[in-house]
Amino acid sequence: MRIEEIHPQLRAAYRRIPAVPFHHPVFLALVNVIQRFRSQRIRPFPGVTICDEPLGQGMARVYRPEAAGNGAGLIWIHGGGFIVGDRSINDRECAGLARDLGLVVVSIDYRLAPKHPFPAALDDCLEAWKLLQSKADEWRVDRQRVAVLGQSAGGGLAATLVQRIADLGGIQPAAQVLLYPMLDDRTAADRELDLVKHRLWNNRNNRGGWQSYLGRAPGEDSVPRYAVAARRENLAGLPPAWVGTGERDLFYRENCAYAERLQSAGVPCELYVVPQAPHAFDMIVPEAPVSQSWLLRYCRFLQEQLRLPVIP
């Protein structure tokens, strides 16, 4: 992908980003060692109380507004291709949503592949959902007003989490927000996409992530239930969705296809596409106007679905 194909507001930052070999075992091990030390630190954010809560196998970071909250909650699931990332990488976003929207936000430090393949990460996400539900009275959260949000691989986990909760029955998420989600292992199996050289997260990384998570080559005829969001045949009955993606993202086509399938199944779904935007642009250049517009759009969706005060 040539730098000229990227949105003008994002070019300078992406010009400096090298081809990162997330799929390489040595590089992956180094990154995860560094992250383990970083994730243990809790940085203070004005107006937000932050603490860590243990899960059975993972960990959750809880962000609560110091001012009176709005009685709503959010499960946040970080990205990283199922193989990197931790509960601390979205401190800025989670603390901002807690402070600005008055939400109680639970960010999940789920177990990573390949050491912990499917269903470990999804099990941890489900446990975090149950944690928030069990703590709802203590944290002053309405159990009916909890949304699920995920970025990249976390978006794929968010999509499969709401599928699993739907099948379990009981209280359901009020909404799902999928940010450039990693939804379909069959994308990784398309070797022609290797030639595109997508910025930050390319198809070789994608194939390594899916291989690690599934414990098998991506793109096979069948996969375990809840392992791959796009493999679910019937999407009816899932919570309202906001699906955001960039036009230059490796996941662009699978994101659009999933949004269209949700709409066809009768699920209210807003698809938001940012022209010329590559993967994770809002994380790389958060101050860019296109990133600020992106944030405002999904915050407004959360405001509507969680019945929050109107965002100016």
C-alpha atoms as a PDB file:
ATOM      1  CA  MET A   1       0.000   0.000   0.000  1.00  0.00           C
ATOM      2  CA  ARG A   2       1.479   3.327  -1.059  1.00  0.00           C
ATOM      3  CA  ILE A   3       1.517   6.157   1.462  1.00  0.00           C
ATOM      4  CA  GLU A   4      -0.405   8.312  -1.050  1.00  0.00           C
ATOM      5  CA  GLU A   5      -3.380   5.951  -0.627  1.00  0.00           C
ATOM      6  CA  ILE A   6      -3.719   6.871   3.044  1.00  0.00           C
ATOM      7  CA  HIS A   7      -5.828   9.771   4.309  1.00  0.00           C
ATOM      8  CA  PRO A   8      -3.812  13.036   4.319  1.00  0.00           C
ATOM      9  CA  GLN A   9      -4.407  13.539   8.049  1.00  0.00           C
ATOM     10  CA  LEU A  10      -2.825  10.155   8.785  1.00  0.00           C
ATOM     11  CA  ARG A  11       0.063   9.933   6.334  1.00  0.00           C
ATOM     12  CA  ALA A  12       2.836  11.435   8.460  1.00  0.00           C
ATOM     13  CA  ALA A  13       2.284   8.942  11.289  1.00  0.00           C
ATOM     14  CA  TYR A  14       1.916   5.878   9.083  1.00  0.00           C
ATOM     15  CA  ARG A  15       4.962   6.833   7.063  1.00  0.00           C
ATOM     16  CA  ARG A  16       7.022   6.170  10.203  1.00  0.00           C
ATOM     17  CA  ILE A  17       5.438   2.792  11.016  1.00  0.00           C
ATOM     18  CA  PRO A  18       7.613  -0.154   9.911  1.00  0.00           C
ATOM     19  CA  ALA A  19       6.340  -3.561   8.855  1.00  0.00           C
ATOM     20  CA  VAL A  20       5.849  -5.106  12.303  1.00  0.00           C
ATOM     21  CA  PRO A  21       6.282  -8.926  12.354  1.00  0.00           C
ATOM     22  CA  PHE A  22       3.695  -9.761  14.997  1.00  0.00           C
ATOM     23  CA  HIS A  23       3.565 -13.287  13.572  1.00  0.00           C
ATOM     24  CA  HIS A  24       7.248 -13.941  14.420  1.00  0.00           C
ATOM     25  CA  PRO A  25       7.576 -15.976  17.685  1.00  0.00           C
ATOM     26  CA  VAL A  26      10.688 -14.149  18.973  1.00  0.00           C
ATOM     27  CA  PHE A  27       9.241 -10.686  18.364  1.00  0.00           C
ATOM     28  CA  LEU A  28       5.928 -11.769  19.892  1.00  0.00           C
ATOM     29  CA  ALA A  29       7.605 -13.085  23.041  1.00  0.00           C
ATOM     30  CA  LEU A  30       9.566  -9.838  23.480  1.00  0.00           C
ATOM     31  CA  VAL A  31       6.473  -7.656  23.091  1.00  0.00           C
ATOM     32  CA  ASN A  32       4.493  -9.690  25.611  1.00  0.00           C
ATOM     33  CA  VAL A  33       7.282  -9.552  28.211  1.00  0.00           C
ATOM     34  CA  ILE A  34       7.331  -5.760  27.941  1.00  0.00           C
ATOM     35  CA  GLN A  35       3.550  -5.584  28.177  1.00  0.00           C
ATOM     36  CA  ARG A  36       3.391  -7.700  31.323  1.00  0.00           C
ATOM     37  CA  PHE A  37       5.465  -5.141  33.208  1.00  0.00           C
ATOM     38  CA  ARG A  38       3.529  -2.191  31.808  1.00  0.00           C
ATOM     39  CA  SER A  39       0.050  -3.582  32.483  1.00  0.00           C
ATOM     40  CA  GLN A  40       0.687  -3.819  36.227  1.00  0.00           C
ATOM     41  CA  ARG A  41       1.010  -0.039  36.531  1.00  0.00           C
ATOM     42  CA  ILE A  42      -2.152   2.010  36.985  1.00  0.00           C
ATOM     43  CA  ARG A  43      -1.706   5.558  35.747  1.00  0.00           C
ATOM     44  CA  PRO A  44      -3.959   8.160  37.376  1.00  0.00           C
ATOM     45  CA  PHE A  45      -6.569   9.943  35.263  1.00  0.00           C
ATOM     46  CA  PRO A  46      -8.388  13.033  36.549  1.00  0.00           C
ATOM     47  CA  GLY A  47     -12.004  12.345  37.410  1.00  0.00           C
ATOM     48  CA  VAL A  48     -11.703   8.540  37.215  1.00  0.00           C
ATOM     49  CA  THR A  49     -11.101   5.846  39.828  1.00  0.00           C
ATOM     50  CA  ILE A  50      -9.182   2.882  38.415  1.00  0.00           C
ATOM     51  CA  CYS A  51      -8.582  -0.526  39.966  1.00  0.00           C
ATOM     52  CA  ASP A  52      -7.820  -4.085  38.855  1.00  0.00           C
ATOM     53  CA  GLU A  53     -10.233  -6.938  39.524  1.00  0.00           C
ATOM     54  CA  PRO A  54      -9.189 -10.599  39.209  1.00  0.00           C
ATOM     55  CA  LEU A  55     -11.024 -12.942  36.905  1.00  0.00           C
ATOM     56  CA  GLY A  56     -10.724 -16.719  37.163  1.00  0.00           C
ATOM     57  CA  GLN A  57      -7.778 -16.880  34.748  1.00  0.00           C
ATOM     58  CA  GLY A  58      -7.428 -13.332  33.463  1.00  0.00           C
ATOM     59  CA  MET A  59      -7.688  -9.837  34.895  1.00  0.00           C
ATOM     60  CA  ALA A  60      -9.990  -6.865  34.435  1.00  0.00           C
ATOM     61  CA  ARG A  61      -9.322  -3.153  34.859  1.00  0.00           C
ATOM     62  CA  VAL A  62     -12.301  -1.162  36.085  1.00  0.00           C
ATOM     63  CA  TYR A  63     -12.734   2.570  35.392  1.00  0.00           C
ATOM     64  CA  ARG A  64     -15.401   4.370  37.412  1.00  0.00           C
ATOM     65  CA  PRO A  65     -16.305   8.066  37.194  1.00  0.00           C
ATOM     66  CA  GLU A  66     -15.629   9.978  40.384  1.00  0.00           C
ATOM     67  CA  ALA A  67     -18.663  12.141  39.679  1.00  0.00           C
ATOM     68  CA  ALA A  68     -22.114  10.591  39.675  1.00  0.00           C
ATOM     69  CA  GLY A  69     -22.335   8.052  36.864  1.00  0.00           C
ATOM     70  CA  ASN A  70     -25.203   7.533  34.467  1.00  0.00           C
ATOM     71  CA  GLY A  71     -26.034   4.005  35.586  1.00  0.00           C
ATOM     72  CA  ALA A  72     -24.655   2.359  32.456  1.00  0.00           C
ATOM     73  CA  GLY A  73     -21.680   0.086  31.845  1.00  0.00           C
ATOM     74  CA  LEU A  74     -19.328  -0.965  29.081  1.00  0.00           C
ATOM     75  CA  ILE A  75     -17.233  -4.073  28.493  1.00  0.00           C
ATOM     76  CA  TRP A  76     -14.071  -3.063  26.585  1.00  0.00           C
ATOM     77  CA  ILE A  77     -12.052  -5.756  24.749  1.00  0.00           C
ATOM     78  CA  HIS A  78      -8.606  -4.765  23.484  1.00  0.00           C
ATOM     79  CA  GLY A  79      -7.084  -5.664  20.143  1.00  0.00           C
ATOM     80  CA  GLY A  80      -3.829  -7.371  19.213  1.00  0.00           C
ATOM     81  CA  GLY A  81      -4.668 -10.201  16.857  1.00  0.00           C
ATOM     82  CA  PHE A  82      -5.427 -12.567  19.777  1.00  0.00           C
ATOM     83  CA  ILE A  83      -1.654 -12.723  20.429  1.00  0.00           C
ATOM     84  CA  VAL A  84      -0.603  -9.364  21.940  1.00  0.00           C
ATOM     85  CA  GLY A  85      -2.133  -6.640  24.096  1.00  0.00           C
ATOM     86  CA  ASP A  86      -3.240  -6.202  27.693  1.00  0.00           C
ATOM     87  CA  ARG A  87      -5.725  -4.345  29.851  1.00  0.00           C
ATOM     88  CA  SER A  88      -3.592  -1.189  29.955  1.00  0.00           C
ATOM     89  CA  ILE A  89      -3.295  -0.379  26.222  1.00  0.00           C
ATOM     90  CA  ASN A  90      -6.638   1.405  26.171  1.00  0.00           C
ATOM     91  CA  ASP A  91      -6.314   3.310  29.459  1.00  0.00           C
ATOM     92  CA  ARG A  92      -6.791   6.602  27.605  1.00  0.00           C
ATOM     93  CA  GLU A  93      -9.946   5.499  25.803  1.00  0.00           C
ATOM     94  CA  CYS A  94     -11.522   3.689  28.754  1.00  0.00           C
ATOM     95  CA  ALA A  95     -10.819   6.471  31.247  1.00  0.00           C
ATOM     96  CA  GLY A  96     -12.156   9.010  28.755  1.00  0.00           C
ATOM     97  CA  LEU A  97     -15.426   7.115  28.333  1.00  0.00           C
ATOM     98  CA  ALA A  98     -15.801   6.729  32.102  1.00  0.00           C
ATOM     99  CA  ARG A  99     -15.216  10.433  32.705  1.00  0.00           C
ATOM    100  CA  ASP A 100     -17.015  11.933  29.692  1.00  0.00           C
ATOM    101  CA  LEU A 101     -19.982   9.558  29.414  1.00  0.00           C
ATOM    102  CA  GLY A 102     -20.301   8.577  33.067  1.00  0.00           C
ATOM    103  CA  LEU A 103     -19.859   4.872  32.317  1.00  0.00           C
ATOM    104  CA  VAL A 104     -18.393   2.102  34.413  1.00  0.00           C
ATOM    105  CA  VAL A 105     -15.909   0.536  32.000  1.00  0.00           C
ATOM    106  CA  VAL A 106     -14.444  -2.956  32.428  1.00  0.00           C
ATOM    107  CA  SER A 107     -11.380  -3.636  30.251  1.00  0.00           C
ATOM    108  CA  ILE A 108     -10.458  -7.318  29.945  1.00  0.00           C
ATOM    109  CA  ASP A 109      -6.924  -8.674  30.169  1.00  0.00           C
ATOM    110  CA  TYR A 110      -7.831 -11.962  28.498  1.00  0.00           C
ATOM    111  CA  ARG A 111      -5.444 -14.866  28.002  1.00  0.00           C
ATOM    112  CA  LEU A 112      -3.496 -14.749  24.760  1.00  0.00           C
ATOM    113  CA  ALA A 113      -2.796 -17.301  22.066  1.00  0.00           C
ATOM    114  CA  PRO A 114      -0.840 -19.364  21.147  1.00  0.00           C
ATOM    115  CA  LYS A 115      -0.246 -20.327  24.787  1.00  0.00           C
ATOM    116  CA  HIS A 116      -3.978 -20.081  25.401  1.00  0.00           C
ATOM    117  CA  PRO A 117      -5.914 -20.842  22.189  1.00  0.00           C
ATOM    118  CA  PHE A 118      -9.681 -20.678  21.727  1.00  0.00           C
ATOM    119  CA  PRO A 119     -11.836 -20.664  23.833  1.00  0.00           C
ATOM    120  CA  ALA A 120      -9.643 -19.158  26.582  1.00  0.00           C
ATOM    121  CA  ALA A 121      -9.982 -15.507  25.516  1.00  0.00           C
ATOM    122  CA  LEU A 122     -13.722 -15.776  24.948  1.00  0.00           C
ATOM    123  CA  ASP A 123     -14.187 -17.536  28.298  1.00  0.00           C
ATOM    124  CA  ASP A 124     -12.410 -14.618  29.989  1.00  0.00           C
ATOM    125  CA  CYS A 125     -14.643 -12.127  28.174  1.00  0.00           C
ATOM    126  CA  LEU A 126     -17.736 -13.989  29.319  1.00  0.00           C
ATOM    127  CA  GLU A 127     -16.421 -13.994  32.877  1.00  0.00           C
ATOM    128  CA  ALA A 128     -15.895 -10.223  32.709  1.00  0.00           C
ATOM    129  CA  TRP A 129     -19.505  -9.836  31.549  1.00  0.00           C
ATOM    130  CA  LYS A 130     -20.619 -11.899  34.556  1.00  0.00           C
ATOM    131  CA  LEU A 131     -18.352  -9.852  36.851  1.00  0.00           C
ATOM    132  CA  LEU A 132     -20.002  -6.605  35.809  1.00  0.00           C
ATOM    133  CA  GLN A 133     -23.439  -8.145  36.224  1.00  0.00           C
ATOM    134  CA  SER A 134     -22.557  -9.435  39.708  1.00  0.00           C
ATOM    135  CA  LYS A 135     -21.105  -6.067  40.759  1.00  0.00           C
ATOM    136  CA  ALA A 136     -23.911  -4.026  39.215  1.00  0.00           C
ATOM    137  CA  ASP A 137     -25.509  -3.021  42.532  1.00  0.00           C
ATOM    138  CA  GLU A 138     -22.167  -2.129  44.120  1.00  0.00           C
ATOM    139  CA  TRP A 139     -21.068  -0.123  41.083  1.00  0.00           C
ATOM    140  CA  ARG A 140     -24.550   1.374  40.548  1.00  0.00           C
ATOM    141  CA  VAL A 141     -24.958  -0.033  37.052  1.00  0.00           C
ATOM    142  CA  ASP A 142     -28.287  -0.959  35.477  1.00  0.00           C
ATOM    143  CA  ARG A 143     -27.818  -4.554  34.276  1.00  0.00           C
ATOM    144  CA  GLN A 144     -29.976  -3.817  31.240  1.00  0.00           C
ATOM    145  CA  ARG A 145     -27.753  -0.905  30.168  1.00  0.00           C
ATOM    146  CA  VAL A 146     -24.415  -2.560  29.478  1.00  0.00           C
ATOM    147  CA  ALA A 147     -22.771  -2.482  26.042  1.00  0.00           C
ATOM    148  CA  VAL A 148     -19.892  -4.535  24.641  1.00  0.00           C
ATOM    149  CA  LEU A 149     -17.106  -2.849  22.647  1.00  0.00           C
ATOM    150  CA  GLY A 150     -14.049  -4.360  20.994  1.00  0.00           C
ATOM    151  CA  GLN A 151     -11.164  -3.223  18.794  1.00  0.00           C
ATOM    152  CA  SER A 152      -9.665  -5.401  16.052  1.00  0.00           C
ATOM    153  CA  ALA A 153      -9.317  -8.925  17.522  1.00  0.00           C
ATOM    154  CA  GLY A 154     -11.233  -7.527  20.483  1.00  0.00           C
ATOM    155  CA  GLY A 155     -13.973  -6.615  18.019  1.00  0.00           C
ATOM    156  CA  GLY A 156     -14.073 -10.231  16.919  1.00  0.00           C
ATOM    157  CA  LEU A 157     -14.280 -11.318  20.551  1.00  0.00           C
ATOM    158  CA  ALA A 158     -17.015  -8.753  21.208  1.00  0.00           C
ATOM    159  CA  ALA A 159     -19.023 -10.126  18.277  1.00  0.00           C
ATOM    160  CA  THR A 160     -18.659 -13.731  19.432  1.00  0.00           C
ATOM    161  CA  LEU A 161     -19.338 -12.737  23.042  1.00  0.00           C
ATOM    162  CA  VAL A 162     -22.741 -11.276  22.199  1.00  0.00           C
ATOM    163  CA  GLN A 163     -23.474 -14.383  20.125  1.00  0.00           C
ATOM    164  CA  ARG A 164     -22.658 -16.614  23.073  1.00  0.00           C
ATOM    165  CA  ILE A 165     -24.658 -14.497  25.526  1.00  0.00           C
ATOM    166  CA  ALA A 166     -27.620 -14.571  23.123  1.00  0.00           C
ATOM    167  CA  ASP A 167     -27.578 -18.356  23.126  1.00  0.00           C
ATOM    168  CA  LEU A 168     -27.236 -18.526  26.914  1.00  0.00           C
ATOM    169  CA  GLY A 169     -30.323 -16.365  27.375  1.00  0.00           C
ATOM    170  CA  GLY A 170     -30.990 -14.040  30.289  1.00  0.00           C
ATOM    171  CA  ILE A 171     -29.923 -10.396  30.373  1.00  0.00           C
ATOM    172  CA  GLN A 172     -28.491  -9.297  27.037  1.00  0.00           C
ATOM    173  CA  PRO A 173     -26.051  -6.525  26.085  1.00  0.00           C
ATOM    174  CA  ALA A 174     -27.801  -3.303  25.165  1.00  0.00           C
ATOM    175  CA  ALA A 175     -25.481  -2.775  22.186  1.00  0.00           C
ATOM    176  CA  GLN A 176     -22.296  -3.937  20.481  1.00  0.00           C
ATOM    177  CA  VAL A 177     -19.620  -1.620  19.093  1.00  0.00           C
ATOM    178  CA  LEU A 178     -17.157  -3.276  16.712  1.00  0.00           C
ATOM    179  CA  LEU A 179     -14.121  -1.158  15.802  1.00  0.00           C
ATOM    180  CA  TYR A 180     -12.365  -2.505  12.663  1.00  0.00           C
ATOM    181  CA  PRO A 181     -13.144  -5.980  13.990  1.00  0.00           C
ATOM    182  CA  MET A 182     -11.254  -9.195  13.155  1.00  0.00           C
ATOM    183  CA  LEU A 183     -14.271 -11.272  12.195  1.00  0.00           C
ATOM    184  CA  ASP A 184     -13.385 -13.839   9.541  1.00  0.00           C
ATOM    185  CA  ASP A 185     -10.470 -16.292   9.423  1.00  0.00           C
ATOM    186  CA  ARG A 186     -11.072 -16.829   5.706  1.00  0.00           C
ATOM    187  CA  THR A 187      -9.502 -13.424   5.011  1.00  0.00           C
ATOM    188  CA  ALA A 188      -6.202 -14.732   6.380  1.00  0.00           C
ATOM    189  CA  ALA A 189      -6.389 -17.740   4.056  1.00  0.00           C
ATOM    190  CA  ASP A 190      -6.456 -15.481   0.973  1.00  0.00           C
ATOM    191  CA  ARG A 191      -2.758 -15.364   0.023  1.00  0.00           C
ATOM    192  CA  GLU A 192      -3.359 -12.688  -2.602  1.00  0.00           C
ATOM    193  CA  LEU A 193      -3.912 -10.215   0.224  1.00  0.00           C
ATOM    194  CA  ASP A 194      -0.301 -10.736   1.283  1.00  0.00           C
ATOM    195  CA  LEU A 195       0.714  -8.636  -1.714  1.00  0.00           C
ATOM    196  CA  VAL A 196      -1.220  -5.559  -0.605  1.00  0.00           C
ATOM    197  CA  LYS A 197       1.164  -4.794   2.299  1.00  0.00           C
ATOM    198  CA  HIS A 198      -1.444  -3.263   4.598  1.00  0.00           C
ATOM    199  CA  ARG A 199      -0.056  -0.838   7.158  1.00  0.00           C
ATOM    200  CA  LEU A 200       0.460  -1.969  10.785  1.00  0.00           C
ATOM    201  CA  TRP A 201      -1.567  -5.222  10.524  1.00  0.00           C
ATOM    202  CA  ASN A 202      -0.974  -7.150   7.313  1.00  0.00           C
ATOM    203  CA  ASN A 203      -2.277 -10.504   6.158  1.00  0.00           C
ATOM    204  CA  ARG A 204       0.799 -12.430   7.290  1.00  0.00           C
ATOM    205  CA  ASN A 205       0.187 -11.133  10.818  1.00  0.00           C
ATOM    206  CA  ASN A 206      -3.480 -11.927  10.351  1.00  0.00           C
ATOM    207  CA  ARG A 207      -2.732 -15.514   9.393  1.00  0.00           C
ATOM    208  CA  GLY A 208      -0.401 -15.897  12.377  1.00  0.00           C
ATOM    209  CA  GLY A 209      -3.037 -14.516  14.726  1.00  0.00           C
ATOM    210  CA  TRP A 210      -5.791 -16.801  13.491  1.00  0.00           C
ATOM    211  CA  GLN A 211      -3.457 -19.821  13.410  1.00  0.00           C
ATOM    212  CA  SER A 212      -2.488 -19.178  17.035  1.00  0.00           C
ATOM    213  CA  TYR A 213      -6.066 -18.619  18.194  1.00  0.00           C
ATOM    214  CA  LEU A 214      -7.700 -21.500  16.348  1.00  0.00           C
ATOM    215  CA  GLY A 215      -4.823 -23.941  16.734  1.00  0.00           C
ATOM    216  CA  ARG A 216      -5.210 -24.807  13.063  1.00  0.00           C
ATOM    217  CA  ALA A 217      -4.808 -23.192   9.670  1.00  0.00           C
ATOM    218  CA  PRO A 218      -7.374 -20.452   9.031  1.00  0.00           C
ATOM    219  CA  GLY A 219      -9.942 -20.942   6.295  1.00  0.00           C
ATOM    220  CA  GLU A 220     -10.802 -24.602   6.891  1.00  0.00           C
ATOM    221  CA  ASP A 221     -14.310 -25.831   6.079  1.00  0.00           C
ATOM    222  CA  SER A 222     -15.448 -25.728   9.703  1.00  0.00           C
ATOM    223  CA  VAL A 223     -14.384 -24.046  12.937  1.00  0.00           C
ATOM    224  CA  PRO A 224     -15.516 -24.473  16.557  1.00  0.00           C
ATOM    225  CA  ARG A 225     -18.725 -22.710  17.531  1.00  0.00           C
ATOM    226  CA  TYR A 226     -18.114 -19.099  18.668  1.00  0.00           C
ATOM    227  CA  ALA A 227     -14.505 -19.151  17.420  1.00  0.00           C
ATOM    228  CA  VAL A 228     -15.144 -16.966  14.351  1.00  0.00           C
ATOM    229  CA  ALA A 229     -17.919 -14.379  14.402  1.00  0.00           C
ATOM    230  CA  ALA A 230     -18.517 -14.348  10.639  1.00  0.00           C
ATOM    231  CA  ARG A 231     -19.024 -18.135  10.535  1.00  0.00           C
ATOM    232  CA  ARG A 232     -22.303 -17.931  12.487  1.00  0.00           C
ATOM    233  CA  GLU A 233     -25.134 -18.535  10.043  1.00  0.00           C
ATOM    234  CA  ASN A 234     -28.009 -16.850  11.884  1.00  0.00           C
ATOM    235  CA  LEU A 235     -27.342 -13.346  13.209  1.00  0.00           C
ATOM    236  CA  ALA A 236     -30.962 -12.574  14.100  1.00  0.00           C
ATOM    237  CA  GLY A 237     -31.697 -11.481  17.645  1.00  0.00           C
ATOM    238  CA  LEU A 238     -28.314  -9.930  18.372  1.00  0.00           C
ATOM    239  CA  PRO A 239     -28.081  -6.468  19.999  1.00  0.00           C
ATOM    240  CA  PRO A 240     -27.969  -3.262  17.927  1.00  0.00           C
ATOM    241  CA  ALA A 241     -24.536  -2.754  16.393  1.00  0.00           C
ATOM    242  CA  TRP A 242     -22.133  -0.040  15.329  1.00  0.00           C
ATOM    243  CA  VAL A 243     -19.486  -1.346  12.938  1.00  0.00           C
ATOM    244  CA  GLY A 244     -16.637   1.025  12.083  1.00  0.00           C
ATOM    245  CA  THR A 245     -13.831   0.393   9.640  1.00  0.00           C
ATOM    246  CA  GLY A 246     -11.304   2.131   7.423  1.00  0.00           C
ATOM    247  CA  GLU A 247     -11.326   1.933   3.661  1.00  0.00           C
ATOM    248  CA  ARG A 248      -7.630   0.864   3.655  1.00  0.00           C
ATOM    249  CA  ASP A 249      -8.024  -1.657   6.458  1.00  0.00           C
ATOM    250  CA  LEU A 250      -7.301  -5.339   5.796  1.00  0.00           C
ATOM    251  CA  PHE A 251     -10.665  -6.059   7.438  1.00  0.00           C
ATOM    252  CA  TYR A 252     -12.661  -3.597   5.327  1.00  0.00           C
ATOM    253  CA  ARG A 253     -14.479  -6.183   3.218  1.00  0.00           C
ATOM    254  CA  GLU A 254     -15.265  -8.590   6.038  1.00  0.00           C
ATOM    255  CA  ASN A 255     -16.463  -5.690   8.201  1.00  0.00           C
ATOM    256  CA  CYS A 256     -18.840  -4.427   5.521  1.00  0.00           C
ATOM    257  CA  ALA A 257     -20.081  -7.958   4.832  1.00  0.00           C
ATOM    258  CA  TYR A 258     -20.831  -8.604   8.516  1.00  0.00           C
ATOM    259  CA  ALA A 259     -22.650  -5.297   8.896  1.00  0.00           C
ATOM    260  CA  GLU A 260     -24.769  -6.098   5.844  1.00  0.00           C
ATOM    261  CA  ARG A 261     -25.577  -9.536   7.240  1.00  0.00           C
ATOM    262  CA  LEU A 262     -26.655  -8.009  10.551  1.00  0.00           C
ATOM    263  CA  GLN A 263     -28.924  -5.605   8.706  1.00  0.00           C
ATOM    264  CA  SER A 264     -30.390  -8.420   6.586  1.00  0.00           C
ATOM    265  CA  ALA A 265     -31.070 -10.398   9.778  1.00  0.00           C
ATOM    266  CA  GLY A 266     -33.101  -7.498  11.168  1.00  0.00           C
ATOM    267  CA  VAL A 267     -30.458  -6.249  13.605  1.00  0.00           C
ATOM    268  CA  PRO A 268     -30.217  -2.441  13.713  1.00  0.00           C
ATOM    269  CA  CYS A 269     -26.684  -1.759  12.505  1.00  0.00           C
ATOM    270  CA  GLU A 270     -24.824   1.409  11.588  1.00  0.00           C
ATOM    271  CA  LEU A 271     -21.824   0.928   9.294  1.00  0.00           C
ATOM    272  CA  TYR A 272     -19.327   3.787   9.428  1.00  0.00           C
ATOM    273  CA  VAL A 273     -16.477   3.809   6.884  1.00  0.00           C
ATOM    274  CA  VAL A 274     -13.571   6.268   7.060  1.00  0.00           C
ATOM    275  CA  PRO A 275     -12.171   6.937   3.563  1.00  0.00           C
ATOM    276  CA  GLN A 276      -8.479   6.073   3.085  1.00  0.00           C
ATOM    277  CA  ALA A 277      -8.044   5.038   6.714  1.00  0.00           C
ATOM    278  CA  PRO A 278      -5.816   2.056   7.588  1.00  0.00           C
ATOM    279  CA  HIS A 279      -6.052  -0.220  10.605  1.00  0.00           C
ATOM    280  CA  ALA A 280      -6.172   1.315  14.106  1.00  0.00           C
ATOM    281  CA  PHE A 281      -5.862   4.871  12.759  1.00  0.00           C
ATOM    282  CA  ASP A 282      -7.665   6.307  15.789  1.00  0.00           C
ATOM    283  CA  MET A 283      -5.061   4.770  18.092  1.00  0.00           C
ATOM    284  CA  ILE A 284      -2.101   5.909  15.977  1.00  0.00           C
ATOM    285  CA  VAL A 285      -3.297   9.487  15.330  1.00  0.00           C
ATOM    286  CA  PRO A 286      -5.964  10.184  17.987  1.00  0.00           C
ATOM    287  CA  GLU A 287      -5.781  13.962  17.530  1.00  0.00           C
ATOM    288  CA  ALA A 288      -6.615  13.869  13.789  1.00  0.00           C
ATOM    289  CA  PRO A 289     -10.059  15.259  12.879  1.00  0.00           C
ATOM    290  CA  VAL A 290     -11.040  11.943  11.257  1.00  0.00           C
ATOM    291  CA  SER A 291     -10.192  10.160  14.524  1.00  0.00           C
ATOM    292  CA  GLN A 292     -12.147  12.678  16.577  1.00  0.00           C
ATOM    293  CA  SER A 293     -15.168  12.299  14.273  1.00  0.00           C
ATOM    294  CA  TRP A 294     -14.901   8.519  14.604  1.00  0.00           C
ATOM    295  CA  LEU A 295     -14.898   8.752  18.414  1.00  0.00           C
ATOM    296  CA  LEU A 296     -17.853  11.118  18.401  1.00  0.00           C
ATOM    297  CA  ARG A 297     -19.887   8.815  16.141  1.00  0.00           C
ATOM    298  CA  TYR A 298     -19.574   5.704  18.268  1.00  0.00           C
ATOM    299  CA  CYS A 299     -20.023   7.722  21.467  1.00  0.00           C
ATOM    300  CA  ARG A 300     -23.297   9.042  20.086  1.00  0.00           C
ATOM    301  CA  PHE A 301     -24.341   5.484  19.298  1.00  0.00           C
ATOM    302  CA  LEU A 302     -23.579   4.470  22.888  1.00  0.00           C
ATOM    303  CA  GLN A 303     -25.471   7.507  24.138  1.00  0.00           C
ATOM    304  CA  GLU A 304     -28.553   6.455  22.182  1.00  0.00           C
ATOM    305  CA  GLN A 305     -28.445   2.773  23.052  1.00  0.00           C
ATOM    306  CA  LEU A 306     -27.563   3.231  26.744  1.00  0.00           C
ATOM    307  CA  ARG A 307     -29.947   6.182  27.181  1.00  0.00           C
ATOM    308  CA  LEU A 308     -27.234   8.604  28.260  1.00  0.00           C
ATOM    309  CA  PRO A 309     -27.444  12.406  28.317  1.00  0.00           C
ATOM    310  CA  VAL A 310     -27.026  13.944  24.884  1.00  0.00           C
ATOM    311  CA  ILE A 311     -23.422  14.520  23.817  1.00  0.00           C
ATOM    312  CA  PRO A 312     -22.879  18.146  22.706  1.00  0.00           C
END
